[in-house]
Amino acid sequence: QVQLVESGGGSVQAGGSLRLSCAASGRTFSGEHMGWFRQAPGKEREFVAALNWSGSSTYYADSVKGRFTISRANAKNTVYLQMNSLKPEDTAVYYCAVDLSRRPSVQRYDYDFWGQGTQVTVSS
């Protein structure tokens, strides 16, 4: 029922920035969590960041903390991932996801709905 539409991926030079967007529909969001995950070829899908929809509490993987910022625009049911100081190791397909539980999670299997993924490529 929940649909997620991502945009904003692309290719940038190391040190550059991108902003990913994820527009959610099909549900009135309140206490759910929106997460961003990424997956590089041959690697497991890993947690990047999460946000509590109602309270805007945020959580970050150590690898991106201080460089990435997750935020929301309630009126648009949209969650953003601002990615600054990008590194080649940030190259991956990025996915947004919704966790219907009201507890934060870094586990992929805790998330109930997923976007299609958007490619981010960072060149050195």
PDB file of N, CA and C in Angstrom:
ATOM      1  N   GLN A   1       0.824  -1.205   0.000  1.00  0.00           N
ATOM      2  CA  GLN A   1       0.000   0.000   0.000  1.00  0.00           C
ATOM      3  C   GLN A   1       0.862   1.261   0.000  1.00  0.00           C
ATOM      4  N   VAL A   2       1.916   1.271   0.790  1.00  0.00           N
ATOM      5  CA  VAL A   2       2.830   2.399   0.803  1.00  0.00           C
ATOM      6  C   VAL A   2       3.702   2.331  -0.444  1.00  0.00           C
ATOM      7  N   GLN A   3       3.808   3.449  -1.120  1.00  0.00           N
ATOM      8  CA  GLN A   3       4.660   3.559  -2.283  1.00  0.00           C
ATOM      9  C   GLN A   3       5.725   4.619  -2.039  1.00  0.00           C
ATOM     10  N   LEU A   4       6.931   4.321  -2.461  1.00  0.00           N
ATOM     11  CA  LEU A   4       8.061   5.211  -2.276  1.00  0.00           C
ATOM     12  C   LEU A   4       8.700   5.470  -3.627  1.00  0.00           C
ATOM     13  N   VAL A   5       8.902   6.728  -3.944  1.00  0.00           N
ATOM     14  CA  VAL A   5       9.489   7.126  -5.208  1.00  0.00           C
ATOM     15  C   VAL A   5      10.721   7.954  -4.926  1.00  0.00           C
ATOM     16  N   GLU A   6      11.868   7.468  -5.366  1.00  0.00           N
ATOM     17  CA  GLU A   6      13.138   8.117  -5.111  1.00  0.00           C
ATOM     18  C   GLU A   6      13.583   8.933  -6.312  1.00  0.00           C
ATOM     19  N   SER A   7      14.379   9.937  -6.030  1.00  0.00           N
ATOM     20  CA  SER A   7      14.987  10.736  -7.081  1.00  0.00           C
ATOM     21  C   SER A   7      16.252  11.380  -6.531  1.00  0.00           C
ATOM     22  N   GLY A   8      17.068  11.904  -7.418  1.00  0.00           N
ATOM     23  CA  GLY A   8      18.227  12.673  -7.015  1.00  0.00           C
ATOM     24  C   GLY A   8      19.560  11.981  -7.172  1.00  0.00           C
ATOM     25  N   GLY A   9      19.562  10.709  -7.528  1.00  0.00           N
ATOM     26  CA  GLY A   9      20.822  10.023  -7.719  1.00  0.00           C
ATOM     27  C   GLY A   9      21.556  10.537  -8.942  1.00  0.00           C
ATOM     28  N   GLY A  10      22.822  10.201  -9.018  1.00  0.00           N
ATOM     29  CA  GLY A  10      23.632  10.630 -10.136  1.00  0.00           C
ATOM     30  C   GLY A  10      25.096  10.377  -9.877  1.00  0.00           C
ATOM     31  N   SER A  11      25.924  11.024 -10.671  1.00  0.00           N
ATOM     32  CA  SER A  11      27.374  10.881 -10.592  1.00  0.00           C
ATOM     33  C   SER A  11      28.004  12.200 -10.194  1.00  0.00           C
ATOM     34  N   VAL A  12      28.928  12.138  -9.248  1.00  0.00           N
ATOM     35  CA  VAL A  12      29.622  13.330  -8.779  1.00  0.00           C
ATOM     36  C   VAL A  12      31.081  12.994  -8.531  1.00  0.00           C
ATOM     37  N   GLN A  13      31.888  14.031  -8.462  1.00  0.00           N
ATOM     38  CA  GLN A  13      33.278  13.890  -8.064  1.00  0.00           C
ATOM     39  C   GLN A  13      33.393  13.768  -6.552  1.00  0.00           C
ATOM     40  N   ALA A  14      34.435  13.105  -6.105  1.00  0.00           N
ATOM     41  CA  ALA A  14      34.703  13.037  -4.673  1.00  0.00           C
ATOM     42  C   ALA A  14      34.741  14.439  -4.078  1.00  0.00           C
ATOM     43  N   GLY A  15      34.143  14.576  -2.916  1.00  0.00           N
ATOM     44  CA  GLY A  15      34.030  15.871  -2.276  1.00  0.00           C
ATOM     45  C   GLY A  15      32.770  16.626  -2.629  1.00  0.00           C
ATOM     46  N   GLY A  16      32.048  16.152  -3.621  1.00  0.00           N
ATOM     47  CA  GLY A  16      30.822  16.805  -4.035  1.00  0.00           C
ATOM     48  C   GLY A  16      29.637  16.407  -3.189  1.00  0.00           C
ATOM     49  N   SER A  17      28.474  16.885  -3.607  1.00  0.00           N
ATOM     50  CA  SER A  17      27.248  16.682  -2.850  1.00  0.00           C
ATOM     51  C   SER A  17      26.112  16.238  -3.753  1.00  0.00           C
ATOM     52  N   LEU A  18      25.206  15.487  -3.178  1.00  0.00           N
ATOM     53  CA  LEU A  18      23.948  15.123  -3.809  1.00  0.00           C
ATOM     54  C   LEU A  18      22.861  15.151  -2.756  1.00  0.00           C
ATOM     55  N   ARG A  19      21.639  15.407  -3.184  1.00  0.00           N
ATOM     56  CA  ARG A  19      20.488  15.287  -2.305  1.00  0.00           C
ATOM     57  C   ARG A  19      19.510  14.294  -2.897  1.00  0.00           C
ATOM     58  N   LEU A  20      19.267  13.225  -2.174  1.00  0.00           N
ATOM     59  CA  LEU A  20      18.290  12.235  -2.567  1.00  0.00           C
ATOM     60  C   LEU A  20      16.941  12.571  -1.949  1.00  0.00           C
ATOM     61  N   SER A  21      15.883  12.317  -2.694  1.00  0.00           N
ATOM     62  CA  SER A  21      14.529  12.541  -2.218  1.00  0.00           C
ATOM     63  C   SER A  21      13.749  11.242  -2.285  1.00  0.00           C
ATOM     64  N   CYS A  22      12.852  11.062  -1.341  1.00  0.00           N
ATOM     65  CA  CYS A  22      11.964   9.907  -1.334  1.00  0.00           C
ATOM     66  C   CYS A  22      10.569  10.390  -0.992  1.00  0.00           C
ATOM     67  N   ALA A  23       9.680  10.350  -1.959  1.00  0.00           N
ATOM     68  CA  ALA A  23       8.299  10.768  -1.773  1.00  0.00           C
ATOM     69  C   ALA A  23       7.452   9.557  -1.421  1.00  0.00           C
ATOM     70  N   ALA A  24       6.772   9.633  -0.299  1.00  0.00           N
ATOM     71  CA  ALA A  24       5.960   8.531   0.195  1.00  0.00           C
ATOM     72  C   ALA A  24       4.484   8.832   0.000  1.00  0.00           C
ATOM     73  N   SER A  25       3.724   7.808  -0.307  1.00  0.00           N
ATOM     74  CA  SER A  25       2.291   7.951  -0.471  1.00  0.00           C
ATOM     75  C   SER A  25       1.590   6.693   0.014  1.00  0.00           C
ATOM     76  N   GLY A  26       0.285   6.798   0.203  1.00  0.00           N
ATOM     77  CA  GLY A  26      -0.519   5.656   0.587  1.00  0.00           C
ATOM     78  C   GLY A  26      -0.745   5.489   2.071  1.00  0.00           C
ATOM     79  N   ARG A  27      -0.236   6.417   2.862  1.00  0.00           N
ATOM     80  CA  ARG A  27      -0.356   6.297   4.301  1.00  0.00           C
ATOM     81  C   ARG A  27      -0.149   7.660   4.937  1.00  0.00           C
ATOM     82  N   THR A  28      -0.815   7.890   6.046  1.00  0.00           N
ATOM     83  CA  THR A  28      -0.558   9.070   6.856  1.00  0.00           C
ATOM     84  C   THR A  28       0.519   8.714   7.866  1.00  0.00           C
ATOM     85  N   PHE A  29       1.625   9.382   7.751  1.00  0.00           N
ATOM     86  CA  PHE A  29       2.780   9.047   8.571  1.00  0.00           C
ATOM     87  C   PHE A  29       2.779   9.841   9.867  1.00  0.00           C
ATOM     88  N   SER A  30       3.130   9.171  10.923  1.00  0.00           N
ATOM     89  CA  SER A  30       3.230   9.812  12.225  1.00  0.00           C
ATOM     90  C   SER A  30       4.434   9.279  12.986  1.00  0.00           C
ATOM     91  N   GLY A  31       4.316   8.092  13.531  1.00  0.00           N
ATOM     92  CA  GLY A  31       5.390   7.540  14.338  1.00  0.00           C
ATOM     93  C   GLY A  31       6.306   6.573  13.607  1.00  0.00           C
ATOM     94  N   GLU A  32       6.081   6.386  12.321  1.00  0.00           N
ATOM     95  CA  GLU A  32       6.914   5.460  11.563  1.00  0.00           C
ATOM     96  C   GLU A  32       8.328   5.999  11.404  1.00  0.00           C
ATOM     97  N   HIS A  33       9.199   5.112  10.960  1.00  0.00           N
ATOM     98  CA  HIS A  33      10.564   5.499  10.651  1.00  0.00           C
ATOM     99  C   HIS A  33      10.840   5.343   9.170  1.00  0.00           C
ATOM    100  N   MET A  34      11.531   6.311   8.615  1.00  0.00           N
ATOM    101  CA  MET A  34      12.016   6.228   7.256  1.00  0.00           C
ATOM    102  C   MET A  34      13.516   6.002   7.306  1.00  0.00           C
ATOM    103  N   GLY A  35      13.961   5.003   6.585  1.00  0.00           N
ATOM    104  CA  GLY A  35      15.367   4.686   6.546  1.00  0.00           C
ATOM    105  C   GLY A  35      15.948   4.793   5.154  1.00  0.00           C
ATOM    106  N   TRP A  36      17.220   5.082   5.107  1.00  0.00           N
ATOM    107  CA  TRP A  36      18.005   5.006   3.881  1.00  0.00           C
ATOM    108  C   TRP A  36      19.026   3.891   4.032  1.00  0.00           C
ATOM    109  N   PHE A  37      19.088   3.037   3.030  1.00  0.00           N
ATOM    110  CA  PHE A  37      20.066   1.969   2.950  1.00  0.00           C
ATOM    111  C   PHE A  37      20.831   2.093   1.648  1.00  0.00           C
ATOM    112  N   ARG A  38      21.965   1.429   1.563  1.00  0.00           N
ATOM    113  CA  ARG A  38      22.709   1.407   0.321  1.00  0.00           C
ATOM    114  C   ARG A  38      23.320   0.038   0.117  1.00  0.00           C
ATOM    115  N   GLN A  39      23.544  -0.288  -1.139  1.00  0.00           N
ATOM    116  CA  GLN A  39      24.105  -1.581  -1.483  1.00  0.00           C
ATOM    117  C   GLN A  39      25.049  -1.429  -2.659  1.00  0.00           C
ATOM    118  N   ALA A  40      26.296  -1.765  -2.432  1.00  0.00           N
ATOM    119  CA  ALA A  40      27.290  -1.799  -3.488  1.00  0.00           C
ATOM    120  C   ALA A  40      27.336  -3.196  -4.090  1.00  0.00           C
ATOM    121  N   PRO A  41      27.806  -3.331  -5.324  1.00  0.00           N
ATOM    122  CA  PRO A  41      27.867  -4.656  -5.948  1.00  0.00           C
ATOM    123  C   PRO A  41      28.645  -5.651  -5.101  1.00  0.00           C
ATOM    124  N   GLY A  42      28.057  -6.818  -4.889  1.00  0.00           N
ATOM    125  CA  GLY A  42      28.694  -7.852  -4.110  1.00  0.00           C
ATOM    126  C   GLY A  42      28.671  -7.649  -2.614  1.00  0.00           C
ATOM    127  N   LYS A  43      28.012  -6.604  -2.155  1.00  0.00           N
ATOM    128  CA  LYS A  43      27.968  -6.295  -0.735  1.00  0.00           C
ATOM    129  C   LYS A  43      26.555  -6.432  -0.197  1.00  0.00           C
ATOM    130  N   GLU A  44      26.468  -6.585   1.112  1.00  0.00           N
ATOM    131  CA  GLU A  44      25.170  -6.594   1.765  1.00  0.00           C
ATOM    132  C   GLU A  44      24.585  -5.189   1.779  1.00  0.00           C
ATOM    133  N   ARG A  45      23.265  -5.123   1.755  1.00  0.00           N
ATOM    134  CA  ARG A  45      22.603  -3.838   1.901  1.00  0.00           C
ATOM    135  C   ARG A  45      22.809  -3.343   3.330  1.00  0.00           C
ATOM    136  N   GLU A  46      23.311  -2.131   3.459  1.00  0.00           N
ATOM    137  CA  GLU A  46      23.672  -1.617   4.764  1.00  0.00           C
ATOM    138  C   GLU A  46      22.895  -0.354   5.111  1.00  0.00           C
ATOM    139  N   PHE A  47      22.703  -0.188   6.388  1.00  0.00           N
ATOM    140  CA  PHE A  47      22.007   0.971   6.914  1.00  0.00           C
ATOM    141  C   PHE A  47      22.826   2.229   6.717  1.00  0.00           C
ATOM    142  N   VAL A  48      22.143   3.321   6.372  1.00  0.00           N
ATOM    143  CA  VAL A  48      22.784   4.616   6.216  1.00  0.00           C
ATOM    144  C   VAL A  48      22.249   5.611   7.243  1.00  0.00           C
ATOM    145  N   ALA A  49      20.937   5.797   7.273  1.00  0.00           N
ATOM    146  CA  ALA A  49      20.337   6.790   8.150  1.00  0.00           C
ATOM    147  C   ALA A  49      18.866   6.476   8.330  1.00  0.00           C
ATOM    148  N   ALA A  50      18.289   6.975   9.406  1.00  0.00           N
ATOM    149  CA  ALA A  50      16.864   6.819   9.652  1.00  0.00           C
ATOM    150  C   ALA A  50      16.331   8.040  10.369  1.00  0.00           C
ATOM    151  N   LEU A  51      15.036   8.246  10.235  1.00  0.00           N
ATOM    152  CA  LEU A  51      14.363   9.399  10.810  1.00  0.00           C
ATOM    153  C   LEU A  51      13.028   8.969  11.372  1.00  0.00           C
ATOM    154  N   ASN A  52      12.717   9.473  12.564  1.00  0.00           N
ATOM    155  CA  ASN A  52      11.389   9.308  13.132  1.00  0.00           C
ATOM    156  C   ASN A  52      10.493  10.370  12.534  1.00  0.00           C
ATOM    157  N   TRP A  53       9.415   9.939  11.871  1.00  0.00           N
ATOM    158  CA  TRP A  53       8.605  10.858  11.095  1.00  0.00           C
ATOM    159  C   TRP A  53       7.987  11.960  11.938  1.00  0.00           C
ATOM    160  N   SER A  54       7.478  11.612  13.094  1.00  0.00           N
ATOM    161  CA  SER A  54       6.778  12.605  13.899  1.00  0.00           C
ATOM    162  C   SER A  54       7.713  13.490  14.702  1.00  0.00           C
ATOM    163  N   GLY A  55       8.789  12.901  15.208  1.00  0.00           N
ATOM    164  CA  GLY A  55       9.660  13.653  16.092  1.00  0.00           C
ATOM    165  C   GLY A  55      10.957  14.133  15.481  1.00  0.00           C
ATOM    166  N   SER A  56      11.250  13.670  14.271  1.00  0.00           N
ATOM    167  CA  SER A  56      12.450  14.060  13.546  1.00  0.00           C
ATOM    168  C   SER A  56      13.734  13.644  14.251  1.00  0.00           C
ATOM    169  N   SER A  57      13.657  12.646  15.113  1.00  0.00           N
ATOM    170  CA  SER A  57      14.880  12.066  15.648  1.00  0.00           C
ATOM    171  C   SER A  57      15.621  11.368  14.526  1.00  0.00           C
ATOM    172  N   THR A  58      16.914  11.496  14.517  1.00  0.00           N
ATOM    173  CA  THR A  58      17.711  10.956  13.427  1.00  0.00           C
ATOM    174  C   THR A  58      18.780  10.000  13.942  1.00  0.00           C
ATOM    175  N   TYR A  59      19.167   9.077  13.068  1.00  0.00           N
ATOM    176  CA  TYR A  59      20.152   8.055  13.385  1.00  0.00           C
ATOM    177  C   TYR A  59      21.029   7.859  12.156  1.00  0.00           C
ATOM    178  N   TYR A  60      22.317   7.664  12.372  1.00  0.00           N
ATOM    179  CA  TYR A  60      23.251   7.563  11.269  1.00  0.00           C
ATOM    180  C   TYR A  60      24.235   6.426  11.474  1.00  0.00           C
ATOM    181  N   ALA A  61      24.602   5.795  10.376  1.00  0.00           N
ATOM    182  CA  ALA A  61      25.725   4.883  10.402  1.00  0.00           C
ATOM    183  C   ALA A  61      27.004   5.663  10.668  1.00  0.00           C
ATOM    184  N   ASP A  62      27.939   5.035  11.359  1.00  0.00           N
ATOM    185  CA  ASP A  62      29.188   5.711  11.673  1.00  0.00           C
ATOM    186  C   ASP A  62      29.921   6.176  10.412  1.00  0.00           C
ATOM    187  N   SER A  63      29.778   5.437   9.334  1.00  0.00           N
ATOM    188  CA  SER A  63      30.497   5.752   8.120  1.00  0.00           C
ATOM    189  C   SER A  63      30.039   7.043   7.450  1.00  0.00           C
ATOM    190  N   VAL A  64      28.841   7.508   7.778  1.00  0.00           N
ATOM    191  CA  VAL A  64      28.312   8.705   7.132  1.00  0.00           C
ATOM    192  C   VAL A  64      28.038   9.832   8.113  1.00  0.00           C
ATOM    193  N   LYS A  65      28.144   9.571   9.384  1.00  0.00           N
ATOM    194  CA  LYS A  65      27.835  10.583  10.384  1.00  0.00           C
ATOM    195  C   LYS A  65      28.751  11.791  10.207  1.00  0.00           C
ATOM    196  N   GLY A  66      28.147  12.963  10.212  1.00  0.00           N
ATOM    197  CA  GLY A  66      28.885  14.192   9.993  1.00  0.00           C
ATOM    198  C   GLY A  66      28.943  14.625   8.547  1.00  0.00           C
ATOM    199  N   ARG A  67      28.609  13.726   7.627  1.00  0.00           N
ATOM    200  CA  ARG A  67      28.602  14.047   6.205  1.00  0.00           C
ATOM    201  C   ARG A  67      27.203  14.031   5.601  1.00  0.00           C
ATOM    202  N   PHE A  68      26.368  13.119   6.069  1.00  0.00           N
ATOM    203  CA  PHE A  68      25.016  12.967   5.540  1.00  0.00           C
ATOM    204  C   PHE A  68      24.006  13.506   6.543  1.00  0.00           C
ATOM    205  N   THR A  69      22.916  14.038   6.031  1.00  0.00           N
ATOM    206  CA  THR A  69      21.838  14.537   6.872  1.00  0.00           C
ATOM    207  C   THR A  69      20.509  14.047   6.330  1.00  0.00           C
ATOM    208  N   ILE A  70      19.729  13.398   7.174  1.00  0.00           N
ATOM    209  CA  ILE A  70      18.389  12.982   6.801  1.00  0.00           C
ATOM    210  C   ILE A  70      17.400  14.003   7.351  1.00  0.00           C
ATOM    211  N   SER A  71      16.412  14.360   6.561  1.00  0.00           N
ATOM    212  CA  SER A  71      15.425  15.340   6.971  1.00  0.00           C
ATOM    213  C   SER A  71      14.107  15.036   6.283  1.00  0.00           C
ATOM    214  N   ARG A  72      13.070  15.756   6.665  1.00  0.00           N
ATOM    215  CA  ARG A  72      11.755  15.507   6.098  1.00  0.00           C
ATOM    216  C   ARG A  72      11.044  16.804   5.785  1.00  0.00           C
ATOM    217  N   ALA A  73      10.104  16.718   4.861  1.00  0.00           N
ATOM    218  CA  ALA A  73       9.168  17.798   4.560  1.00  0.00           C
ATOM    219  C   ALA A  73       7.780  17.213   4.723  1.00  0.00           C
ATOM    220  N   ASN A  74       7.152  17.487   5.855  1.00  0.00           N
ATOM    221  CA  ASN A  74       5.884  16.851   6.183  1.00  0.00           C
ATOM    222  C   ASN A  74       4.792  17.128   5.160  1.00  0.00           C
ATOM    223  N   ALA A  75       4.722  18.366   4.688  1.00  0.00           N
ATOM    224  CA  ALA A  75       3.670  18.733   3.759  1.00  0.00           C
ATOM    225  C   ALA A  75       3.759  17.965   2.450  1.00  0.00           C
ATOM    226  N   LYS A  76       4.924  17.474   2.125  1.00  0.00           N
ATOM    227  CA  LYS A  76       5.127  16.740   0.880  1.00  0.00           C
ATOM    228  C   LYS A  76       5.286  15.242   1.091  1.00  0.00           C
ATOM    229  N   ASN A  77       5.206  14.788   2.342  1.00  0.00           N
ATOM    230  CA  ASN A  77       5.470  13.379   2.657  1.00  0.00           C
ATOM    231  C   ASN A  77       6.778  12.925   2.023  1.00  0.00           C
ATOM    232  N   THR A  78       7.779  13.730   2.167  1.00  0.00           N
ATOM    233  CA  THR A  78       9.048  13.495   1.510  1.00  0.00           C
ATOM    234  C   THR A  78      10.182  13.480   2.526  1.00  0.00           C
ATOM    235  N   VAL A  79      11.079  12.543   2.350  1.00  0.00           N
ATOM    236  CA  VAL A  79      12.283  12.451   3.166  1.00  0.00           C
ATOM    237  C   VAL A  79      13.485  12.659   2.260  1.00  0.00           C
ATOM    238  N   TYR A  80      14.458  13.391   2.769  1.00  0.00           N
ATOM    239  CA  TYR A  80      15.646  13.722   2.008  1.00  0.00           C
ATOM    240  C   TYR A  80      16.876  13.113   2.653  1.00  0.00           C
ATOM    241  N   LEU A  81      17.855  12.845   1.836  1.00  0.00           N
ATOM    242  CA  LEU A  81      19.181  12.493   2.315  1.00  0.00           C
ATOM    243  C   LEU A  81      20.174  13.427   1.641  1.00  0.00           C
ATOM    244  N   GLN A  82      20.643  14.407   2.398  1.00  0.00           N
ATOM    245  CA  GLN A  82      21.668  15.315   1.902  1.00  0.00           C
ATOM    246  C   GLN A  82      23.020  14.674   2.132  1.00  0.00           C
ATOM    247  N   MET A  83      23.759  14.479   1.072  1.00  0.00           N
ATOM    248  CA  MET A  83      25.045  13.806   1.131  1.00  0.00           C
ATOM    249  C   MET A  83      26.132  14.791   0.733  1.00  0.00           C
ATOM    250  N   ASN A  84      26.979  15.132   1.674  1.00  0.00           N
ATOM    251  CA  ASN A  84      28.085  16.042   1.446  1.00  0.00           C
ATOM    252  C   ASN A  84      29.405  15.304   1.598  1.00  0.00           C
ATOM    253  N   SER A  85      30.459  15.912   1.097  1.00  0.00           N
ATOM    254  CA  SER A  85      31.803  15.347   1.197  1.00  0.00           C
ATOM    255  C   SER A  85      31.824  13.894   0.746  1.00  0.00           C
ATOM    256  N   LEU A  86      31.227  13.647  -0.385  1.00  0.00           N
ATOM    257  CA  LEU A  86      31.091  12.281  -0.865  1.00  0.00           C
ATOM    258  C   LEU A  86      32.442  11.657  -1.173  1.00  0.00           C
ATOM    259  N   LYS A  87      32.530  10.375  -0.906  1.00  0.00           N
ATOM    260  CA  LYS A  87      33.731   9.592  -1.124  1.00  0.00           C
ATOM    261  C   LYS A  87      33.437   8.475  -2.113  1.00  0.00           C
ATOM    262  N   PRO A  88      34.455   7.968  -2.804  1.00  0.00           N
ATOM    263  CA  PRO A  88      34.215   6.857  -3.716  1.00  0.00           C
ATOM    264  C   PRO A  88      33.545   5.660  -3.045  1.00  0.00           C
ATOM    265  N   GLU A  89      33.845   5.417  -1.786  1.00  0.00           N
ATOM    266  CA  GLU A  89      33.225   4.305  -1.090  1.00  0.00           C
ATOM    267  C   GLU A  89      31.745   4.510  -0.801  1.00  0.00           C
ATOM    268  N   ASP A  90      31.228   5.708  -1.064  1.00  0.00           N
ATOM    269  CA  ASP A  90      29.793   5.936  -0.970  1.00  0.00           C
ATOM    270  C   ASP A  90      29.048   5.449  -2.200  1.00  0.00           C
ATOM    271  N   THR A  91      29.761   5.043  -3.225  1.00  0.00           N
ATOM    272  CA  THR A  91      29.130   4.559  -4.444  1.00  0.00           C
ATOM    273  C   THR A  91      28.285   3.329  -4.148  1.00  0.00           C
ATOM    274  N   ALA A  92      27.016   3.389  -4.509  1.00  0.00           N
ATOM    275  CA  ALA A  92      26.090   2.298  -4.233  1.00  0.00           C
ATOM    276  C   ALA A  92      24.736   2.653  -4.812  1.00  0.00           C
ATOM    277  N   VAL A  93      23.851   1.680  -4.812  1.00  0.00           N
ATOM    278  CA  VAL A  93      22.443   1.950  -5.035  1.00  0.00           C
ATOM    279  C   VAL A  93      21.831   2.292  -3.688  1.00  0.00           C
ATOM    280  N   TYR A  94      21.152   3.414  -3.625  1.00  0.00           N
ATOM    281  CA  TYR A  94      20.550   3.885  -2.389  1.00  0.00           C
ATOM    282  C   TYR A  94      19.051   3.631  -2.414  1.00  0.00           C
ATOM    283  N   TYR A  95      18.541   3.085  -1.323  1.00  0.00           N
ATOM    284  CA  TYR A  95      17.138   2.742  -1.185  1.00  0.00           C
ATOM    285  C   TYR A  95      16.532   3.470   0.001  1.00  0.00           C
ATOM    286  N   CYS A  96      15.321   3.951  -0.159  1.00  0.00           N
ATOM    287  CA  CYS A  96      14.574   4.417   0.995  1.00  0.00           C
ATOM    288  C   CYS A  96      13.570   3.350   1.391  1.00  0.00           C
ATOM    289  N   ALA A  97      13.208   3.345   2.648  1.00  0.00           N
ATOM    290  CA  ALA A  97      12.333   2.311   3.175  1.00  0.00           C
ATOM    291  C   ALA A  97      11.556   2.852   4.362  1.00  0.00           C
ATOM    292  N   VAL A  98      10.408   2.232   4.624  1.00  0.00           N
ATOM    293  CA  VAL A  98       9.553   2.607   5.743  1.00  0.00           C
ATOM    294  C   VAL A  98       9.459   1.448   6.714  1.00  0.00           C
ATOM    295  N   ASP A  99       9.683   1.747   7.966  1.00  0.00           N
ATOM    296  CA  ASP A  99       9.507   0.801   9.056  1.00  0.00           C
ATOM    297  C   ASP A  99       8.243   1.208   9.800  1.00  0.00           C
ATOM    298  N   LEU A 100       7.239   0.359   9.806  1.00  0.00           N
ATOM    299  CA  LEU A 100       5.967   0.694  10.427  1.00  0.00           C
ATOM    300  C   LEU A 100       6.011   0.620  11.949  1.00  0.00           C
ATOM    301  N   SER A 101       7.020   0.002  12.487  1.00  0.00           N
ATOM    302  CA  SER A 101       7.159  -0.011  13.928  1.00  0.00           C
ATOM    303  C   SER A 101       7.545   1.368  14.421  1.00  0.00           C
ATOM    304  N   ARG A 102       7.378   1.580  15.694  1.00  0.00           N
ATOM    305  CA  ARG A 102       7.655   2.891  16.268  1.00  0.00           C
ATOM    306  C   ARG A 102       8.948   2.890  17.073  1.00  0.00           C
ATOM    307  N   ARG A 103       9.860   2.024  16.672  1.00  0.00           N
ATOM    308  CA  ARG A 103      11.190   1.988  17.235  1.00  0.00           C
ATOM    309  C   ARG A 103      12.193   2.103  16.102  1.00  0.00           C
ATOM    310  N   PRO A 104      13.290   2.797  16.322  1.00  0.00           N
ATOM    311  CA  PRO A 104      14.293   2.890  15.261  1.00  0.00           C
ATOM    312  C   PRO A 104      14.971   1.553  15.044  1.00  0.00           C
ATOM    313  N   SER A 105      15.384   1.320  13.808  1.00  0.00           N
ATOM    314  CA  SER A 105      16.041   0.079  13.464  1.00  0.00           C
ATOM    315  C   SER A 105      17.091   0.317  12.400  1.00  0.00           C
ATOM    316  N   VAL A 106      18.188  -0.413  12.499  1.00  0.00           N
ATOM    317  CA  VAL A 106      19.213  -0.421  11.462  1.00  0.00           C
ATOM    318  C   VAL A 106      19.197  -1.720  10.671  1.00  0.00           C
ATOM    319  N   GLN A 107      18.215  -2.570  10.922  1.00  0.00           N
ATOM    320  CA  GLN A 107      18.127  -3.876  10.281  1.00  0.00           C
ATOM    321  C   GLN A 107      17.213  -3.824   9.066  1.00  0.00           C
ATOM    322  N   ARG A 108      17.701  -4.339   7.943  1.00  0.00           N
ATOM    323  CA  ARG A 108      16.915  -4.322   6.726  1.00  0.00           C
ATOM    324  C   ARG A 108      15.581  -5.034   6.897  1.00  0.00           C
ATOM    325  N   TYR A 109      15.571  -6.139   7.623  1.00  0.00           N
ATOM    326  CA  TYR A 109      14.360  -6.934   7.717  1.00  0.00           C
ATOM    327  C   TYR A 109      13.285  -6.294   8.577  1.00  0.00           C
ATOM    328  N   ASP A 110      13.602  -5.227   9.277  1.00  0.00           N
ATOM    329  CA  ASP A 110      12.599  -4.517  10.055  1.00  0.00           C
ATOM    330  C   ASP A 110      11.787  -3.541   9.213  1.00  0.00           C
ATOM    331  N   TYR A 111      12.191  -3.301   7.992  1.00  0.00           N
ATOM    332  CA  TYR A 111      11.516  -2.331   7.138  1.00  0.00           C
ATOM    333  C   TYR A 111      10.507  -3.022   6.240  1.00  0.00           C
ATOM    334  N   ASP A 112       9.355  -2.389   6.082  1.00  0.00           N
ATOM    335  CA  ASP A 112       8.196  -3.018   5.464  1.00  0.00           C
ATOM    336  C   ASP A 112       7.993  -2.654   3.998  1.00  0.00           C
ATOM    337  N   PHE A 113       8.398  -1.479   3.589  1.00  0.00           N
ATOM    338  CA  PHE A 113       8.220  -1.013   2.225  1.00  0.00           C
ATOM    339  C   PHE A 113       9.505  -0.391   1.737  1.00  0.00           C
ATOM    340  N   TRP A 114       9.763  -0.572   0.448  1.00  0.00           N
ATOM    341  CA  TRP A 114      11.021  -0.142  -0.150  1.00  0.00           C
ATOM    342  C   TRP A 114      10.798   0.592  -1.453  1.00  0.00           C
ATOM    343  N   GLY A 115      11.653   1.564  -1.698  1.00  0.00           N
ATOM    344  CA  GLY A 115      11.685   2.208  -2.989  1.00  0.00           C
ATOM    345  C   GLY A 115      12.454   1.378  -3.996  1.00  0.00           C
ATOM    346  N   GLN A 116      12.551   1.892  -5.203  1.00  0.00           N
ATOM    347  CA  GLN A 116      13.162   1.142  -6.290  1.00  0.00           C
ATOM    348  C   GLN A 116      14.684   1.225  -6.297  1.00  0.00           C
ATOM    349  N   GLY A 117      15.235   2.155  -5.561  1.00  0.00           N
ATOM    350  CA  GLY A 117      16.671   2.367  -5.532  1.00  0.00           C
ATOM    351  C   GLY A 117      17.112   3.385  -6.566  1.00  0.00           C
ATOM    352  N   THR A 118      18.133   4.135  -6.219  1.00  0.00           N
ATOM    353  CA  THR A 118      18.704   5.108  -7.139  1.00  0.00           C
ATOM    354  C   THR A 118      20.225   5.041  -7.042  1.00  0.00           C
ATOM    355  N   GLN A 119      20.875   5.071  -8.190  1.00  0.00           N
ATOM    356  CA  GLN A 119      22.317   4.888  -8.242  1.00  0.00           C
ATOM    357  C   GLN A 119      23.044   6.171  -7.880  1.00  0.00           C
ATOM    358  N   VAL A 120      24.014   6.051  -6.999  1.00  0.00           N
ATOM    359  CA  VAL A 120      24.931   7.134  -6.668  1.00  0.00           C
ATOM    360  C   VAL A 120      26.336   6.664  -6.995  1.00  0.00           C
ATOM    361  N   THR A 121      27.024   7.419  -7.818  1.00  0.00           N
ATOM    362  CA  THR A 121      28.381   7.080  -8.211  1.00  0.00           C
ATOM    363  C   THR A 121      29.294   8.250  -7.877  1.00  0.00           C
ATOM    364  N   VAL A 122      30.340   7.976  -7.129  1.00  0.00           N
ATOM    365  CA  VAL A 122      31.294   8.997  -6.723  1.00  0.00           C
ATOM    366  C   VAL A 122      32.655   8.616  -7.296  1.00  0.00           C
ATOM    367  N   SER A 123      33.206   9.475  -8.113  1.00  0.00           N
ATOM    368  CA  SER A 123      34.485   9.214  -8.742  1.00  0.00           C
ATOM    369  C   SER A 123      35.584  10.016  -8.061  1.00  0.00           C
ATOM    370  N   SER A 124      36.783   9.459  -8.062  1.00  0.00           N
ATOM    371  CA  SER A 124      37.916  10.115  -7.437  1.00  0.00           C
ATOM    372  C   SER A 124      38.661  10.989  -8.424  1.00  0.00           C
TER     373      SER A 124
END
